[in-house]
Amino acid sequence: MTETNNGGPAFPSITEGEIAKWAGMTKIGPIAHPGMSLRDYFAGQALAGWLASFPPDCGVKAKQCAELAYELADAMIAAGKGGDA
């Protein structure tokens, strides 16, 4: 089974240790938060665009939309790395 390339984090950030202290955690210092994957972000953007263009009664199945959105996301990640999806 091959692992899907998720493109890494879409919006990585580092928060200050004070947030961890406030939340009752013991780790103090910068804490990395990877956020959603780039693959999920691309799929969400593709899905939003498609759904905005469909009439309400078009009969498109949710599973089909989701599969196509992730297919496009995979192609975008591959294209960004100079390859084919």
PDB file of N, CA and C in Angstrom:
ATOM      1  N   MET A   1       0.843  -1.179   0.000  1.00  0.00           N
ATOM      2  CA  MET A   1       0.000   0.000   0.000  1.00  0.00           C
ATOM      3  C   MET A   1       0.887   1.241   0.000  1.00  0.00           C
ATOM      4  N   THR A   2       0.654   2.140  -0.936  1.00  0.00           N
ATOM      5  CA  THR A   2       1.452   3.351  -0.998  1.00  0.00           C
ATOM      6  C   THR A   2       0.800   4.450  -0.176  1.00  0.00           C
ATOM      7  N   GLU A   3       1.633   5.272   0.387  1.00  0.00           N
ATOM      8  CA  GLU A   3       1.129   6.368   1.206  1.00  0.00           C
ATOM      9  C   GLU A   3       0.849   7.569   0.311  1.00  0.00           C
ATOM     10  N   THR A   4      -0.305   8.190   0.478  1.00  0.00           N
ATOM     11  CA  THR A   4      -0.679   9.355  -0.312  1.00  0.00           C
ATOM     12  C   THR A   4       0.116  10.562   0.146  1.00  0.00           C
ATOM     13  N   ASN A   5       0.664  11.296  -0.815  1.00  0.00           N
ATOM     14  CA  ASN A   5       1.384  12.522  -0.501  1.00  0.00           C
ATOM     15  C   ASN A   5       0.361  13.595  -0.162  1.00  0.00           C
ATOM     16  N   ASN A   6       0.334  14.031   1.089  1.00  0.00           N
ATOM     17  CA  ASN A   6      -0.655  15.035   1.487  1.00  0.00           C
ATOM     18  C   ASN A   6      -0.149  16.454   1.280  1.00  0.00           C
ATOM     19  N   GLY A   7       1.063  16.604   0.771  1.00  0.00           N
ATOM     20  CA  GLY A   7       1.601  17.927   0.476  1.00  0.00           C
ATOM     21  C   GLY A   7       2.166  18.664   1.671  1.00  0.00           C
ATOM     22  N   GLY A   8       2.102  18.074   2.843  1.00  0.00           N
ATOM     23  CA  GLY A   8       2.578  18.749   4.043  1.00  0.00           C
ATOM     24  C   GLY A   8       1.531  19.713   4.580  1.00  0.00           C
ATOM     25  N   PRO A   9       1.884  20.486   5.587  1.00  0.00           N
ATOM     26  CA  PRO A   9       0.911  21.386   6.194  1.00  0.00           C
ATOM     27  C   PRO A   9       0.546  22.552   5.283  1.00  0.00           C
ATOM     28  N   ALA A  10      -0.728  22.928   5.282  1.00  0.00           N
ATOM     29  CA  ALA A  10      -1.186  24.061   4.475  1.00  0.00           C
ATOM     30  C   ALA A  10      -0.899  25.386   5.182  1.00  0.00           C
ATOM     31  N   PHE A  11      -1.092  25.439   6.480  1.00  0.00           N
ATOM     32  CA  PHE A  11      -0.915  26.672   7.237  1.00  0.00           C
ATOM     33  C   PHE A  11      -0.155  26.401   8.535  1.00  0.00           C
ATOM     34  N   PRO A  12       1.109  25.997   8.441  1.00  0.00           N
ATOM     35  CA  PRO A  12       1.841  25.706   9.677  1.00  0.00           C
ATOM     36  C   PRO A  12       2.053  26.984  10.484  1.00  0.00           C
ATOM     37  N   SER A  13       2.096  26.829  11.783  1.00  0.00           N
ATOM     38  CA  SER A  13       2.332  27.989  12.634  1.00  0.00           C
ATOM     39  C   SER A  13       2.992  27.536  13.924  1.00  0.00           C
ATOM     40  N   ILE A  14       3.570  28.479  14.599  1.00  0.00           N
ATOM     41  CA  ILE A  14       4.152  28.213  15.912  1.00  0.00           C
ATOM     42  C   ILE A  14       3.514  29.196  16.875  1.00  0.00           C
ATOM     43  N   THR A  15       3.004  28.670  17.975  1.00  0.00           N
ATOM     44  CA  THR A  15       2.392  29.532  18.982  1.00  0.00           C
ATOM     45  C   THR A  15       3.312  29.622  20.186  1.00  0.00           C
ATOM     46  N   GLU A  16       3.118  30.620  20.952  1.00  0.00           N
ATOM     47  CA  GLU A  16       3.958  30.840  22.122  1.00  0.00           C
ATOM     48  C   GLU A  16       3.630  29.862  23.238  1.00  0.00           C
ATOM     49  N   GLY A  17       4.605  29.606  24.076  1.00  0.00           N
ATOM     50  CA  GLY A  17       4.447  28.690  25.188  1.00  0.00           C
ATOM     51  C   GLY A  17       3.404  29.122  26.196  1.00  0.00           C
ATOM     52  N   GLU A  18       3.121  30.409  26.261  1.00  0.00           N
ATOM     53  CA  GLU A  18       2.116  30.893  27.206  1.00  0.00           C
ATOM     54  C   GLU A  18       0.757  30.272  26.932  1.00  0.00           C
ATOM     55  N   ILE A  19       0.472  30.000  25.670  1.00  0.00           N
ATOM     56  CA  ILE A  19      -0.800  29.359  25.347  1.00  0.00           C
ATOM     57  C   ILE A  19      -0.828  27.961  25.950  1.00  0.00           C
ATOM     58  N   ALA A  20       0.289  27.249  25.845  1.00  0.00           N
ATOM     59  CA  ALA A  20       0.364  25.911  26.425  1.00  0.00           C
ATOM     60  C   ALA A  20       0.205  25.987  27.944  1.00  0.00           C
ATOM     61  N   LYS A  21       0.847  26.965  28.557  1.00  0.00           N
ATOM     62  CA  LYS A  21       0.752  27.130  30.005  1.00  0.00           C
ATOM     63  C   LYS A  21      -0.691  27.438  30.405  1.00  0.00           C
ATOM     64  N   TRP A  22      -1.346  28.315  29.666  1.00  0.00           N
ATOM     65  CA  TRP A  22      -2.729  28.671  29.946  1.00  0.00           C
ATOM     66  C   TRP A  22      -3.647  27.469  29.811  1.00  0.00           C
ATOM     67  N   ALA A  23      -3.344  26.590  28.865  1.00  0.00           N
ATOM     68  CA  ALA A  23      -4.182  25.416  28.632  1.00  0.00           C
ATOM     69  C   ALA A  23      -3.884  24.289  29.616  1.00  0.00           C
ATOM     70  N   GLY A  24      -2.963  24.502  30.543  1.00  0.00           N
ATOM     71  CA  GLY A  24      -2.654  23.494  31.540  1.00  0.00           C
ATOM     72  C   GLY A  24      -1.652  22.452  31.081  1.00  0.00           C
ATOM     73  N   MET A  25      -0.989  22.707  29.973  1.00  0.00           N
ATOM     74  CA  MET A  25       0.013  21.760  29.480  1.00  0.00           C
ATOM     75  C   MET A  25       1.339  22.038  30.181  1.00  0.00           C
ATOM     76  N   THR A  26       2.203  21.047  30.225  1.00  0.00           N
ATOM     77  CA  THR A  26       3.476  21.223  30.910  1.00  0.00           C
ATOM     78  C   THR A  26       4.571  21.734  29.990  1.00  0.00           C
ATOM     79  N   LYS A  27       4.407  21.609  28.686  1.00  0.00           N
ATOM     80  CA  LYS A  27       5.444  22.052  27.760  1.00  0.00           C
ATOM     81  C   LYS A  27       5.363  23.567  27.596  1.00  0.00           C
ATOM     82  N   ILE A  28       6.457  24.240  27.896  1.00  0.00           N
ATOM     83  CA  ILE A  28       6.512  25.684  27.734  1.00  0.00           C
ATOM     84  C   ILE A  28       7.558  25.986  26.671  1.00  0.00           C
ATOM     85  N   GLY A  29       7.229  26.872  25.777  1.00  0.00           N
ATOM     86  CA  GLY A  29       8.102  27.216  24.655  1.00  0.00           C
ATOM     87  C   GLY A  29       7.309  27.135  23.371  1.00  0.00           C
ATOM     88  N   PRO A  30       7.956  27.420  22.266  1.00  0.00           N
ATOM     89  CA  PRO A  30       7.235  27.381  20.989  1.00  0.00           C
ATOM     90  C   PRO A  30       6.662  25.993  20.711  1.00  0.00           C
ATOM     91  N   ILE A  31       5.439  25.961  20.235  1.00  0.00           N
ATOM     92  CA  ILE A  31       4.758  24.707  19.932  1.00  0.00           C
ATOM     93  C   ILE A  31       4.307  24.762  18.478  1.00  0.00           C
ATOM     94  N   ALA A  32       4.682  23.774  17.694  1.00  0.00           N
ATOM     95  CA  ALA A  32       4.304  23.739  16.283  1.00  0.00           C
ATOM     96  C   ALA A  32       2.889  23.196  16.126  1.00  0.00           C
ATOM     97  N   HIS A  33       2.131  23.821  15.272  1.00  0.00           N
ATOM     98  CA  HIS A  33       0.784  23.370  14.921  1.00  0.00           C
ATOM     99  C   HIS A  33       0.738  23.230  13.407  1.00  0.00           C
ATOM    100  N   PRO A  34       0.751  22.002  12.893  1.00  0.00           N
ATOM    101  CA  PRO A  34       0.815  21.839  11.444  1.00  0.00           C
ATOM    102  C   PRO A  34      -0.459  22.246  10.715  1.00  0.00           C
ATOM    103  N   GLY A  35      -1.584  22.246  11.371  1.00  0.00           N
ATOM    104  CA  GLY A  35      -2.827  22.601  10.694  1.00  0.00           C
ATOM    105  C   GLY A  35      -3.252  21.529   9.706  1.00  0.00           C
ATOM    106  N   MET A  36      -4.142  21.888   8.802  1.00  0.00           N
ATOM    107  CA  MET A  36      -4.616  20.920   7.810  1.00  0.00           C
ATOM    108  C   MET A  36      -3.544  20.685   6.755  1.00  0.00           C
ATOM    109  N   SER A  37      -3.669  19.562   6.068  1.00  0.00           N
ATOM    110  CA  SER A  37      -2.694  19.264   5.019  1.00  0.00           C
ATOM    111  C   SER A  37      -2.995  20.098   3.782  1.00  0.00           C
ATOM    112  N   LEU A  38      -1.978  20.289   2.967  1.00  0.00           N
ATOM    113  CA  LEU A  38      -2.149  21.006   1.713  1.00  0.00           C
ATOM    114  C   LEU A  38      -3.135  20.267   0.813  1.00  0.00           C
ATOM    115  N   ARG A  39      -3.118  18.948   0.869  1.00  0.00           N
ATOM    116  CA  ARG A  39      -4.048  18.135   0.074  1.00  0.00           C
ATOM    117  C   ARG A  39      -5.499  18.432   0.469  1.00  0.00           C
ATOM    118  N   ASP A  40      -5.764  18.475   1.775  1.00  0.00           N
ATOM    119  CA  ASP A  40      -7.115  18.792   2.243  1.00  0.00           C
ATOM    120  C   ASP A  40      -7.524  20.209   1.837  1.00  0.00           C
ATOM    121  N   TYR A  41      -6.594  21.142   1.922  1.00  0.00           N
ATOM    122  CA  TYR A  41      -6.893  22.522   1.541  1.00  0.00           C
ATOM    123  C   TYR A  41      -7.243  22.607   0.054  1.00  0.00           C
ATOM    124  N   PHE A  42      -6.406  21.991  -0.797  1.00  0.00           N
ATOM    125  CA  PHE A  42      -6.681  22.011  -2.235  1.00  0.00           C
ATOM    126  C   PHE A  42      -8.021  21.351  -2.549  1.00  0.00           C
ATOM    127  N   ALA A  43      -8.296  20.218  -1.907  1.00  0.00           N
ATOM    128  CA  ALA A  43      -9.562  19.519  -2.151  1.00  0.00           C
ATOM    129  C   ALA A  43     -10.746  20.389  -1.730  1.00  0.00           C
ATOM    130  N   GLY A  44     -10.631  21.060  -0.613  1.00  0.00           N
ATOM    131  CA  GLY A  44     -11.702  21.937  -0.146  1.00  0.00           C
ATOM    132  C   GLY A  44     -11.947  23.105  -1.088  1.00  0.00           C
ATOM    133  N   GLN A  45     -10.869  23.669  -1.610  1.00  0.00           N
ATOM    134  CA  GLN A  45     -11.012  24.776  -2.554  1.00  0.00           C
ATOM    135  C   GLN A  45     -11.671  24.312  -3.847  1.00  0.00           C
ATOM    136  N   ALA A  46     -11.258  23.144  -4.344  1.00  0.00           N
ATOM    137  CA  ALA A  46     -11.859  22.593  -5.562  1.00  0.00           C
ATOM    138  C   ALA A  46     -13.342  22.316  -5.337  1.00  0.00           C
ATOM    139  N   LEU A  47     -13.658  21.716  -4.210  1.00  0.00           N
ATOM    140  CA  LEU A  47     -15.046  21.383  -3.895  1.00  0.00           C
ATOM    141  C   LEU A  47     -15.916  22.637  -3.808  1.00  0.00           C
ATOM    142  N   ALA A  48     -15.412  23.662  -3.154  1.00  0.00           N
ATOM    143  CA  ALA A  48     -16.175  24.908  -3.023  1.00  0.00           C
ATOM    144  C   ALA A  48     -16.460  25.523  -4.392  1.00  0.00           C
ATOM    145  N   GLY A  49     -15.463  25.504  -5.255  1.00  0.00           N
ATOM    146  CA  GLY A  49     -15.659  26.052  -6.597  1.00  0.00           C
ATOM    147  C   GLY A  49     -16.690  25.278  -7.392  1.00  0.00           C
ATOM    148  N   TRP A  50     -16.597  23.961  -7.335  1.00  0.00           N
ATOM    149  CA  TRP A  50     -17.557  23.137  -8.073  1.00  0.00           C
ATOM    150  C   TRP A  50     -18.973  23.325  -7.542  1.00  0.00           C
ATOM    151  N   LEU A  51     -19.131  23.259  -6.242  1.00  0.00           N
ATOM    152  CA  LEU A  51     -20.471  23.366  -5.663  1.00  0.00           C
ATOM    153  C   LEU A  51     -21.104  24.728  -5.934  1.00  0.00           C
ATOM    154  N   ALA A  52     -20.291  25.762  -6.014  1.00  0.00           N
ATOM    155  CA  ALA A  52     -20.822  27.089  -6.315  1.00  0.00           C
ATOM    156  C   ALA A  52     -21.341  27.171  -7.749  1.00  0.00           C
ATOM    157  N   SER A  53     -20.837  26.304  -8.617  1.00  0.00           N
ATOM    158  CA  SER A  53     -21.246  26.364 -10.023  1.00  0.00           C
ATOM    159  C   SER A  53     -22.406  25.428 -10.356  1.00  0.00           C
ATOM    160  N   PHE A  54     -22.774  24.532  -9.435  1.00  0.00           N
ATOM    161  CA  PHE A  54     -23.859  23.581  -9.692  1.00  0.00           C
ATOM    162  C   PHE A  54     -25.204  24.178  -9.302  1.00  0.00           C
ATOM    163  N   PRO A  55     -26.256  23.929 -10.087  1.00  0.00           N
ATOM    164  CA  PRO A  55     -27.593  24.321  -9.641  1.00  0.00           C
ATOM    165  C   PRO A  55     -28.013  23.434  -8.461  1.00  0.00           C
ATOM    166  N   PRO A  56     -28.870  23.915  -7.591  1.00  0.00           N
ATOM    167  CA  PRO A  56     -29.240  23.155  -6.389  1.00  0.00           C
ATOM    168  C   PRO A  56     -29.805  21.761  -6.665  1.00  0.00           C
ATOM    169  N   ASP A  57     -30.466  21.575  -7.779  1.00  0.00           N
ATOM    170  CA  ASP A  57     -31.109  20.292  -8.063  1.00  0.00           C
ATOM    171  C   ASP A  57     -30.368  19.472  -9.120  1.00  0.00           C
ATOM    172  N   CYS A  58     -29.060  19.618  -9.191  1.00  0.00           N
ATOM    173  CA  CYS A  58     -28.300  18.959 -10.259  1.00  0.00           C
ATOM    174  C   CYS A  58     -28.143  17.455 -10.044  1.00  0.00           C
ATOM    175  N   GLY A  59     -28.324  16.965  -8.834  1.00  0.00           N
ATOM    176  CA  GLY A  59     -28.254  15.532  -8.577  1.00  0.00           C
ATOM    177  C   GLY A  59     -26.850  14.971  -8.454  1.00  0.00           C
ATOM    178  N   VAL A  60     -25.850  15.813  -8.288  1.00  0.00           N
ATOM    179  CA  VAL A  60     -24.476  15.335  -8.138  1.00  0.00           C
ATOM    180  C   VAL A  60     -24.332  14.654  -6.783  1.00  0.00           C
ATOM    181  N   LYS A  61     -23.695  13.499  -6.768  1.00  0.00           N
ATOM    182  CA  LYS A  61     -23.510  12.724  -5.541  1.00  0.00           C
ATOM    183  C   LYS A  61     -22.317  13.257  -4.739  1.00  0.00           C
ATOM    184  N   ALA A  62     -22.472  13.320  -3.431  1.00  0.00           N
ATOM    185  CA  ALA A  62     -21.427  13.836  -2.551  1.00  0.00           C
ATOM    186  C   ALA A  62     -20.140  13.032  -2.671  1.00  0.00           C
ATOM    187  N   LYS A  63     -20.244  11.706  -2.714  1.00  0.00           N
ATOM    188  CA  LYS A  63     -19.048  10.869  -2.791  1.00  0.00           C
ATOM    189  C   LYS A  63     -18.272  11.154  -4.071  1.00  0.00           C
ATOM    190  N   GLN A  64     -18.980  11.327  -5.174  1.00  0.00           N
ATOM    191  CA  GLN A  64     -18.328  11.616  -6.448  1.00  0.00           C
ATOM    192  C   GLN A  64     -17.612  12.969  -6.384  1.00  0.00           C
ATOM    193  N   CYS A  65     -18.258  13.967  -5.810  1.00  0.00           N
ATOM    194  CA  CYS A  65     -17.632  15.285  -5.668  1.00  0.00           C
ATOM    195  C   CYS A  65     -16.364  15.199  -4.822  1.00  0.00           C
ATOM    196  N   ALA A  66     -16.440  14.481  -3.709  1.00  0.00           N
ATOM    197  CA  ALA A  66     -15.282  14.356  -2.824  1.00  0.00           C
ATOM    198  C   ALA A  66     -14.130  13.645  -3.521  1.00  0.00           C
ATOM    199  N   GLU A  67     -14.430  12.568  -4.231  1.00  0.00           N
ATOM    200  CA  GLU A  67     -13.379  11.829  -4.935  1.00  0.00           C
ATOM    201  C   GLU A  67     -12.720  12.700  -6.001  1.00  0.00           C
ATOM    202  N   LEU A  68     -13.517  13.442  -6.747  1.00  0.00           N
ATOM    203  CA  LEU A  68     -12.964  14.319  -7.781  1.00  0.00           C
ATOM    204  C   LEU A  68     -12.149  15.456  -7.173  1.00  0.00           C
ATOM    205  N   ALA A  69     -12.596  15.979  -6.034  1.00  0.00           N
ATOM    206  CA  ALA A  69     -11.863  17.056  -5.376  1.00  0.00           C
ATOM    207  C   ALA A  69     -10.481  16.578  -4.944  1.00  0.00           C
ATOM    208  N   TYR A  70     -10.400  15.369  -4.388  1.00  0.00           N
ATOM    209  CA  TYR A  70      -9.097  14.847  -3.969  1.00  0.00           C
ATOM    210  C   TYR A  70      -8.240  14.443  -5.162  1.00  0.00           C
ATOM    211  N   GLU A  71      -8.865  14.019  -6.246  1.00  0.00           N
ATOM    212  CA  GLU A  71      -8.107  13.718  -7.460  1.00  0.00           C
ATOM    213  C   GLU A  71      -7.436  14.996  -7.973  1.00  0.00           C
ATOM    214  N   LEU A  72      -8.169  16.090  -7.960  1.00  0.00           N
ATOM    215  CA  LEU A  72      -7.600  17.366  -8.377  1.00  0.00           C
ATOM    216  C   LEU A  72      -6.511  17.820  -7.406  1.00  0.00           C
ATOM    217  N   ALA A  73      -6.739  17.648  -6.123  1.00  0.00           N
ATOM    218  CA  ALA A  73      -5.731  18.023  -5.126  1.00  0.00           C
ATOM    219  C   ALA A  73      -4.440  17.246  -5.346  1.00  0.00           C
ATOM    220  N   ASP A  74      -4.549  15.946  -5.607  1.00  0.00           N
ATOM    221  CA  ASP A  74      -3.357  15.132  -5.867  1.00  0.00           C
ATOM    222  C   ASP A  74      -2.628  15.622  -7.113  1.00  0.00           C
ATOM    223  N   ALA A  75      -3.386  15.985  -8.152  1.00  0.00           N
ATOM    224  CA  ALA A  75      -2.779  16.496  -9.381  1.00  0.00           C
ATOM    225  C   ALA A  75      -2.069  17.825  -9.127  1.00  0.00           C
ATOM    226  N   MET A  76      -2.655  18.672  -8.293  1.00  0.00           N
ATOM    227  CA  MET A  76      -2.036  19.958  -7.989  1.00  0.00           C
ATOM    228  C   MET A  76      -0.733  19.772  -7.219  1.00  0.00           C
ATOM    229  N   ILE A  77      -0.719  18.839  -6.279  1.00  0.00           N
ATOM    230  CA  ILE A  77       0.507  18.571  -5.523  1.00  0.00           C
ATOM    231  C   ILE A  77       1.579  18.017  -6.445  1.00  0.00           C
ATOM    232  N   ALA A  78       1.206  17.082  -7.321  1.00  0.00           N
ATOM    233  CA  ALA A  78       2.170  16.503  -8.260  1.00  0.00           C
ATOM    234  C   ALA A  78       2.705  17.575  -9.212  1.00  0.00           C
ATOM    235  N   ALA A  79       1.828  18.435  -9.711  1.00  0.00           N
ATOM    236  CA  ALA A  79       2.260  19.493 -10.625  1.00  0.00           C
ATOM    237  C   ALA A  79       3.207  20.463  -9.928  1.00  0.00           C
ATOM    238  N   GLY A  80       2.947  20.717  -8.670  1.00  0.00           N
ATOM    239  CA  GLY A  80       3.811  21.603  -7.904  1.00  0.00           C
ATOM    240  C   GLY A  80       5.204  21.037  -7.695  1.00  0.00           C
ATOM    241  N   LYS A  81       5.314  19.729  -7.756  1.00  0.00           N
ATOM    242  CA  LYS A  81       6.610  19.066  -7.616  1.00  0.00           C
ATOM    243  C   LYS A  81       7.217  18.743  -8.978  1.00  0.00           C
ATOM    244  N   GLY A  82       6.539  19.170 -10.059  1.00  0.00           N
ATOM    245  CA  GLY A  82       7.053  18.942 -11.401  1.00  0.00           C
ATOM    246  C   GLY A  82       6.759  17.569 -11.958  1.00  0.00           C
ATOM    247  N   GLY A  83       5.769  16.858 -11.402  1.00  0.00           N
ATOM    248  CA  GLY A  83       5.443  15.507 -11.864  1.00  0.00           C
ATOM    249  C   GLY A  83       4.012  15.398 -12.320  1.00  0.00           C
ATOM    250  N   ASP A  84       3.621  14.173 -12.652  1.00  0.00           N
ATOM    251  CA  ASP A  84       2.252  13.887 -13.067  1.00  0.00           C
ATOM    252  C   ASP A  84       1.514  13.208 -11.930  1.00  0.00           C
ATOM    253  N   ALA A  85       0.214  13.430 -11.875  1.00  0.00           N
ATOM    254  CA  ALA A  85      -0.608  12.779 -10.844  1.00  0.00           C
ATOM    255  C   ALA A  85      -0.972  11.386 -11.281  1.00  0.00           C
TER     256      ALA A  85
END
